[in-house]
Amino acid sequence: MRNVVSGLFISLDGVVEAPYLWQFDVFDEGMAAAMDAHIGNEDTVLLGRVTYTDWAPYWPTSTDEPYASHINNTPKFVVSTTLKQVDWMNSTLVKDDLPGLIGRLKRQAGKNIGVAGSPTLVRSLMQADLLDELTLMVHPVVAGSGKRLFTDGAPLKRLKLVNTKITGSGVAILTYHRHA
């Protein structure tokens, strides 16, 4: 059975929004290897509405490899109750029954189902016990402001740490599984 996995860049104060503002000075070979492994192990992508609307104008014409080829050619399921349509190549709009879709995708043969960006979607999947693996690439920076992955008032959720790695630039890559 396939797994639903997410990998997010995150600051020490929990910010996941706009990592391009604080990540590139520590993006090193260790992070590149982790990202290559992540995209090499997925063949389906889930996107939230905000990530889709930010990425759809950029990636189809981008030459930022290897991610441009990967994200453009991989089937994408865009989770949104407000979008009317999705036009980006290989995209399908998902308006309802996300648990049913994930169940069907997990039963299909293939690699991981990755969640690209989309912290609100990641949070929702975690709360519904639909996220099997969460990798946080914790950057040695305090962003100060921005959308945080974990919000006040969310119910307690236990995870199991299954892997750790520290890159040469000090980014801690922490991989968690759902607590059984």
C-alpha atoms as a PDB file:
ATOM      1  CA  MET A   1       0.000   0.000   0.000  1.00  0.00           C
ATOM      2  CA  ARG A   2       1.210   3.495  -0.861  1.00  0.00           C
ATOM      3  CA  ASN A   3       1.867   6.183   1.753  1.00  0.00           C
ATOM      4  CA  VAL A   4       0.830   9.821   1.917  1.00  0.00           C
ATOM      5  CA  VAL A   5       3.970  11.821   2.723  1.00  0.00           C
ATOM      6  CA  SER A   6       4.802  15.464   3.178  1.00  0.00           C
ATOM      7  CA  GLY A   7       8.108  17.298   3.337  1.00  0.00           C
ATOM      8  CA  LEU A   8       8.107  20.920   4.454  1.00  0.00           C
ATOM      9  CA  PHE A   9      10.718  23.599   4.988  1.00  0.00           C
ATOM     10  CA  ILE A  10      10.112  25.072   8.447  1.00  0.00           C
ATOM     11  CA  SER A  11      11.791  27.730  10.575  1.00  0.00           C
ATOM     12  CA  LEU A  12      12.631  27.276  14.251  1.00  0.00           C
ATOM     13  CA  ASP A  13       9.508  29.248  15.156  1.00  0.00           C
ATOM     14  CA  GLY A  14       7.292  26.983  13.050  1.00  0.00           C
ATOM     15  CA  VAL A  15       6.841  29.187   9.972  1.00  0.00           C
ATOM     16  CA  VAL A  16       6.307  27.290   6.696  1.00  0.00           C
ATOM     17  CA  GLU A  17       5.133  30.184   4.541  1.00  0.00           C
ATOM     18  CA  ALA A  18       7.450  31.736   1.940  1.00  0.00           C
ATOM     19  CA  PRO A  19      10.570  29.657   2.659  1.00  0.00           C
ATOM     20  CA  TYR A  20      12.248  31.332  -0.312  1.00  0.00           C
ATOM     21  CA  LEU A  21      12.734  34.302   2.034  1.00  0.00           C
ATOM     22  CA  TRP A  22      14.865  32.369   4.532  1.00  0.00           C
ATOM     23  CA  GLN A  23      16.066  29.040   3.145  1.00  0.00           C
ATOM     24  CA  PHE A  24      18.449  29.509   0.251  1.00  0.00           C
ATOM     25  CA  ASP A  25      21.490  30.541   2.297  1.00  0.00           C
ATOM     26  CA  VAL A  26      21.407  27.100   3.978  1.00  0.00           C
ATOM     27  CA  PHE A  27      20.292  25.027   0.974  1.00  0.00           C
ATOM     28  CA  ASP A  28      23.203  22.613   0.638  1.00  0.00           C
ATOM     29  CA  GLU A  29      24.040  19.197  -0.820  1.00  0.00           C
ATOM     30  CA  GLY A  30      22.342  17.417   2.087  1.00  0.00           C
ATOM     31  CA  MET A  31      19.076  19.227   1.461  1.00  0.00           C
ATOM     32  CA  ALA A  32      19.330  18.663  -2.288  1.00  0.00           C
ATOM     33  CA  ALA A  33      19.841  14.931  -1.685  1.00  0.00           C
ATOM     34  CA  ALA A  34      16.831  14.810   0.652  1.00  0.00           C
ATOM     35  CA  MET A  35      14.649  16.596  -1.893  1.00  0.00           C
ATOM     36  CA  ASP A  36      15.850  14.357  -4.731  1.00  0.00           C
ATOM     37  CA  ALA A  37      14.996  11.287  -2.649  1.00  0.00           C
ATOM     38  CA  HIS A  38      11.578  12.716  -1.793  1.00  0.00           C
ATOM     39  CA  ILE A  39      10.571  13.431  -5.383  1.00  0.00           C
ATOM     40  CA  GLY A  40      12.148  10.192  -6.599  1.00  0.00           C
ATOM     41  CA  ASN A  41       9.861   8.252  -4.279  1.00  0.00           C
ATOM     42  CA  GLU A  42       6.573   9.906  -5.289  1.00  0.00           C
ATOM     43  CA  ASP A  43       4.477   9.563  -8.413  1.00  0.00           C
ATOM     44  CA  THR A  44       1.346  11.432  -7.339  1.00  0.00           C
ATOM     45  CA  VAL A  45       1.039  14.862  -5.705  1.00  0.00           C
ATOM     46  CA  LEU A  46      -1.652  16.468  -3.568  1.00  0.00           C
ATOM     47  CA  LEU A  47      -1.824  20.280  -3.579  1.00  0.00           C
ATOM     48  CA  GLY A  48      -3.928  22.724  -1.600  1.00  0.00           C
ATOM     49  CA  ARG A  49      -5.608  25.686  -3.254  1.00  0.00           C
ATOM     50  CA  VAL A  50      -3.048  28.306  -2.203  1.00  0.00           C
ATOM     51  CA  THR A  51      -0.068  26.255  -3.353  1.00  0.00           C
ATOM     52  CA  TYR A  52      -1.826  25.442  -6.623  1.00  0.00           C
ATOM     53  CA  THR A  53      -2.623  29.087  -7.379  1.00  0.00           C
ATOM     54  CA  ASP A  54       0.953  30.115  -6.493  1.00  0.00           C
ATOM     55  CA  TRP A  55       2.623  27.320  -8.470  1.00  0.00           C
ATOM     56  CA  ALA A  56       0.414  26.898 -11.560  1.00  0.00           C
ATOM     57  CA  PRO A  57       1.643  30.121 -13.229  1.00  0.00           C
ATOM     58  CA  TYR A  58       5.305  29.411 -12.407  1.00  0.00           C
ATOM     59  CA  TRP A  59       6.195  25.740 -12.860  1.00  0.00           C
ATOM     60  CA  PRO A  60       4.883  25.060 -16.386  1.00  0.00           C
ATOM     61  CA  THR A  61       7.536  27.374 -17.869  1.00  0.00           C
ATOM     62  CA  SER A  62      10.219  26.936 -15.211  1.00  0.00           C
ATOM     63  CA  THR A  63      13.643  25.481 -15.939  1.00  0.00           C
ATOM     64  CA  ASP A  64      14.394  24.878 -12.232  1.00  0.00           C
ATOM     65  CA  GLU A  65      15.371  21.232 -12.472  1.00  0.00           C
ATOM     66  CA  PRO A  66      14.868  18.550 -11.424  1.00  0.00           C
ATOM     67  CA  TYR A  67      11.675  19.787  -9.765  1.00  0.00           C
ATOM     68  CA  ALA A  68      10.118  21.471 -12.818  1.00  0.00           C
ATOM     69  CA  SER A  69      10.036  18.248 -14.839  1.00  0.00           C
ATOM     70  CA  HIS A  70       8.811  16.285 -11.846  1.00  0.00           C
ATOM     71  CA  ILE A  71       5.933  18.564 -10.801  1.00  0.00           C
ATOM     72  CA  ASN A  72       4.803  19.248 -14.368  1.00  0.00           C
ATOM     73  CA  ASN A  73       4.685  15.584 -15.392  1.00  0.00           C
ATOM     74  CA  THR A  74       3.318  14.078 -12.178  1.00  0.00           C
ATOM     75  CA  PRO A  75      -0.447  13.630 -11.682  1.00  0.00           C
ATOM     76  CA  LYS A  76      -1.659  16.348  -9.309  1.00  0.00           C
ATOM     77  CA  PHE A  77      -4.833  16.330  -7.219  1.00  0.00           C
ATOM     78  CA  VAL A  78      -5.795  19.859  -6.168  1.00  0.00           C
ATOM     79  CA  VAL A  79      -7.891  19.984  -2.993  1.00  0.00           C
ATOM     80  CA  SER A  80     -10.189  23.011  -2.966  1.00  0.00           C
ATOM     81  CA  THR A  81     -13.805  23.845  -2.270  1.00  0.00           C
ATOM     82  CA  THR A  82     -13.515  27.261  -3.953  1.00  0.00           C
ATOM     83  CA  LEU A  83     -11.682  26.693  -7.248  1.00  0.00           C
ATOM     84  CA  LYS A  84     -13.950  26.119 -10.244  1.00  0.00           C
ATOM     85  CA  GLN A  85     -11.339  24.443 -12.444  1.00  0.00           C
ATOM     86  CA  VAL A  86      -7.661  23.565 -12.666  1.00  0.00           C
ATOM     87  CA  ASP A  87      -5.785  24.053 -15.910  1.00  0.00           C
ATOM     88  CA  TRP A  88      -2.240  23.022 -15.062  1.00  0.00           C
ATOM     89  CA  MET A  89      -1.162  19.921 -16.961  1.00  0.00           C
ATOM     90  CA  ASN A  90      -1.995  16.617 -15.199  1.00  0.00           C
ATOM     91  CA  SER A  91      -4.194  18.315 -12.569  1.00  0.00           C
ATOM     92  CA  THR A  92      -7.523  17.096 -11.210  1.00  0.00           C
ATOM     93  CA  LEU A  93      -9.750  19.170  -8.948  1.00  0.00           C
ATOM     94  CA  VAL A  94     -10.918  17.477  -5.724  1.00  0.00           C
ATOM     95  CA  LYS A  95     -13.896  19.264  -4.144  1.00  0.00           C
ATOM     96  CA  ASP A  96     -15.136  16.597  -1.739  1.00  0.00           C
ATOM     97  CA  ASP A  97     -14.504  13.115  -0.321  1.00  0.00           C
ATOM     98  CA  LEU A  98     -10.769  13.560   0.148  1.00  0.00           C
ATOM     99  CA  PRO A  99     -10.620  10.498   2.439  1.00  0.00           C
ATOM    100  CA  GLY A 100     -12.227   8.386  -0.307  1.00  0.00           C
ATOM    101  CA  LEU A 101      -9.783   9.656  -2.924  1.00  0.00           C
ATOM    102  CA  ILE A 102      -6.809   8.988  -0.674  1.00  0.00           C
ATOM    103  CA  GLY A 103      -8.086   5.483   0.042  1.00  0.00           C
ATOM    104  CA  ARG A 104      -8.387   4.760  -3.691  1.00  0.00           C
ATOM    105  CA  LEU A 105      -4.947   6.221  -4.446  1.00  0.00           C
ATOM    106  CA  LYS A 106      -3.316   4.259  -1.627  1.00  0.00           C
ATOM    107  CA  ARG A 107      -4.733   0.988  -2.967  1.00  0.00           C
ATOM    108  CA  GLN A 108      -3.301   1.625  -6.450  1.00  0.00           C
ATOM    109  CA  ALA A 109       0.145   0.379  -7.375  1.00  0.00           C
ATOM    110  CA  GLY A 110       2.805   3.032  -7.309  1.00  0.00           C
ATOM    111  CA  LYS A 111       5.120   5.156  -5.233  1.00  0.00           C
ATOM    112  CA  ASN A 112       4.302   7.619  -2.458  1.00  0.00           C
ATOM    113  CA  ILE A 113       1.559  10.202  -2.696  1.00  0.00           C
ATOM    114  CA  GLY A 114       3.359  13.426  -1.864  1.00  0.00           C
ATOM    115  CA  VAL A 115       1.866  16.605  -0.477  1.00  0.00           C
ATOM    116  CA  ALA A 116       3.670  19.551  -2.053  1.00  0.00           C
ATOM    117  CA  GLY A 117       3.789  22.655   0.131  1.00  0.00           C
ATOM    118  CA  SER A 118       0.190  23.146   1.265  1.00  0.00           C
ATOM    119  CA  PRO A 119       0.561  23.473   5.058  1.00  0.00           C
ATOM    120  CA  THR A 120      -3.196  23.836   5.568  1.00  0.00           C
ATOM    121  CA  LEU A 121      -3.772  20.590   3.682  1.00  0.00           C
ATOM    122  CA  VAL A 122      -0.965  18.880   5.638  1.00  0.00           C
ATOM    123  CA  ARG A 123      -2.591  19.997   8.893  1.00  0.00           C
ATOM    124  CA  SER A 124      -5.984  18.670   7.743  1.00  0.00           C
ATOM    125  CA  LEU A 125      -4.517  15.345   6.645  1.00  0.00           C
ATOM    126  CA  MET A 126      -2.739  14.958   9.990  1.00  0.00           C
ATOM    127  CA  GLN A 127      -5.896  15.642  11.978  1.00  0.00           C
ATOM    128  CA  ALA A 128      -7.839  13.109   9.869  1.00  0.00           C
ATOM    129  CA  ASP A 129      -5.060  10.491  10.286  1.00  0.00           C
ATOM    130  CA  LEU A 130      -4.525  10.470   6.508  1.00  0.00           C
ATOM    131  CA  LEU A 131      -0.856  11.567   6.566  1.00  0.00           C
ATOM    132  CA  ASP A 132       1.499   8.620   7.002  1.00  0.00           C
ATOM    133  CA  GLU A 133       4.817  10.491   7.074  1.00  0.00           C
ATOM    134  CA  LEU A 134       5.874  14.059   7.811  1.00  0.00           C
ATOM    135  CA  THR A 135       9.396  15.288   7.111  1.00  0.00           C
ATOM    136  CA  LEU A 136      10.304  18.665   8.544  1.00  0.00           C
ATOM    137  CA  MET A 137      13.436  20.385   7.267  1.00  0.00           C
ATOM    138  CA  VAL A 138      14.057  22.656  10.246  1.00  0.00           C
ATOM    139  CA  HIS A 139      16.133  25.672   9.234  1.00  0.00           C
ATOM    140  CA  PRO A 140      18.350  27.455  11.739  1.00  0.00           C
ATOM    141  CA  VAL A 141      16.388  30.694  11.455  1.00  0.00           C
ATOM    142  CA  VAL A 142      13.594  32.478  13.287  1.00  0.00           C
ATOM    143  CA  ALA A 143      11.298  33.819  10.573  1.00  0.00           C
ATOM    144  CA  GLY A 144       9.345  36.025  12.971  1.00  0.00           C
ATOM    145  CA  SER A 145       6.081  35.982  11.062  1.00  0.00           C
ATOM    146  CA  GLY A 146       4.167  33.946   8.528  1.00  0.00           C
ATOM    147  CA  LYS A 147       1.850  30.963   8.369  1.00  0.00           C
ATOM    148  CA  ARG A 148       2.755  28.289  10.854  1.00  0.00           C
ATOM    149  CA  LEU A 149       2.260  24.569  10.364  1.00  0.00           C
ATOM    150  CA  PHE A 150       0.828  24.005  13.819  1.00  0.00           C
ATOM    151  CA  THR A 151      -1.897  26.328  15.078  1.00  0.00           C
ATOM    152  CA  ASP A 152      -3.286  27.034  18.514  1.00  0.00           C
ATOM    153  CA  GLY A 153      -6.281  24.941  19.466  1.00  0.00           C
ATOM    154  CA  ALA A 154      -5.427  21.873  17.397  1.00  0.00           C
ATOM    155  CA  PRO A 155      -6.023  18.573  19.177  1.00  0.00           C
ATOM    156  CA  LEU A 156      -3.108  16.580  20.551  1.00  0.00           C
ATOM    157  CA  LYS A 157      -1.433  14.432  17.894  1.00  0.00           C
ATOM    158  CA  ARG A 158       1.435  12.077  18.688  1.00  0.00           C
ATOM    159  CA  LEU A 159       4.055  11.201  16.088  1.00  0.00           C
ATOM    160  CA  LYS A 160       6.953   8.743  16.045  1.00  0.00           C
ATOM    161  CA  LEU A 161      10.409  10.035  15.071  1.00  0.00           C
ATOM    162  CA  VAL A 162      11.868   7.522  12.572  1.00  0.00           C
ATOM    163  CA  ASN A 163      14.847   9.335  11.047  1.00  0.00           C
ATOM    164  CA  THR A 164      17.098  12.319  11.693  1.00  0.00           C
ATOM    165  CA  LYS A 165      19.839  13.972   9.706  1.00  0.00           C
ATOM    166  CA  ILE A 166      21.717  17.236  10.084  1.00  0.00           C
ATOM    167  CA  THR A 167      22.989  18.802   6.875  1.00  0.00           C
ATOM    168  CA  GLY A 168      26.333  20.591   6.628  1.00  0.00           C
ATOM    169  CA  SER A 169      24.603  23.968   6.907  1.00  0.00           C
ATOM    170  CA  GLY A 170      22.755  22.970  10.085  1.00  0.00           C
ATOM    171  CA  VAL A 171      19.320  22.086   8.739  1.00  0.00           C
ATOM    172  CA  ALA A 172      17.769  19.318  10.840  1.00  0.00           C
ATOM    173  CA  ILE A 173      15.793  16.877   8.665  1.00  0.00           C
ATOM    174  CA  LEU A 174      13.329  15.097  10.951  1.00  0.00           C
ATOM    175  CA  THR A 175      11.025  12.375   9.653  1.00  0.00           C
ATOM    176  CA  TYR A 176       7.969  11.310  11.625  1.00  0.00           C
ATOM    177  CA  HIS A 177       5.370   8.579  11.141  1.00  0.00           C
ATOM    178  CA  ARG A 178       1.848   8.466  12.491  1.00  0.00           C
ATOM    179  CA  HIS A 179       1.850   7.133  16.034  1.00  0.00           C
ATOM    180  CA  ALA A 180       0.185   3.731  15.971  1.00  0.00           C
END
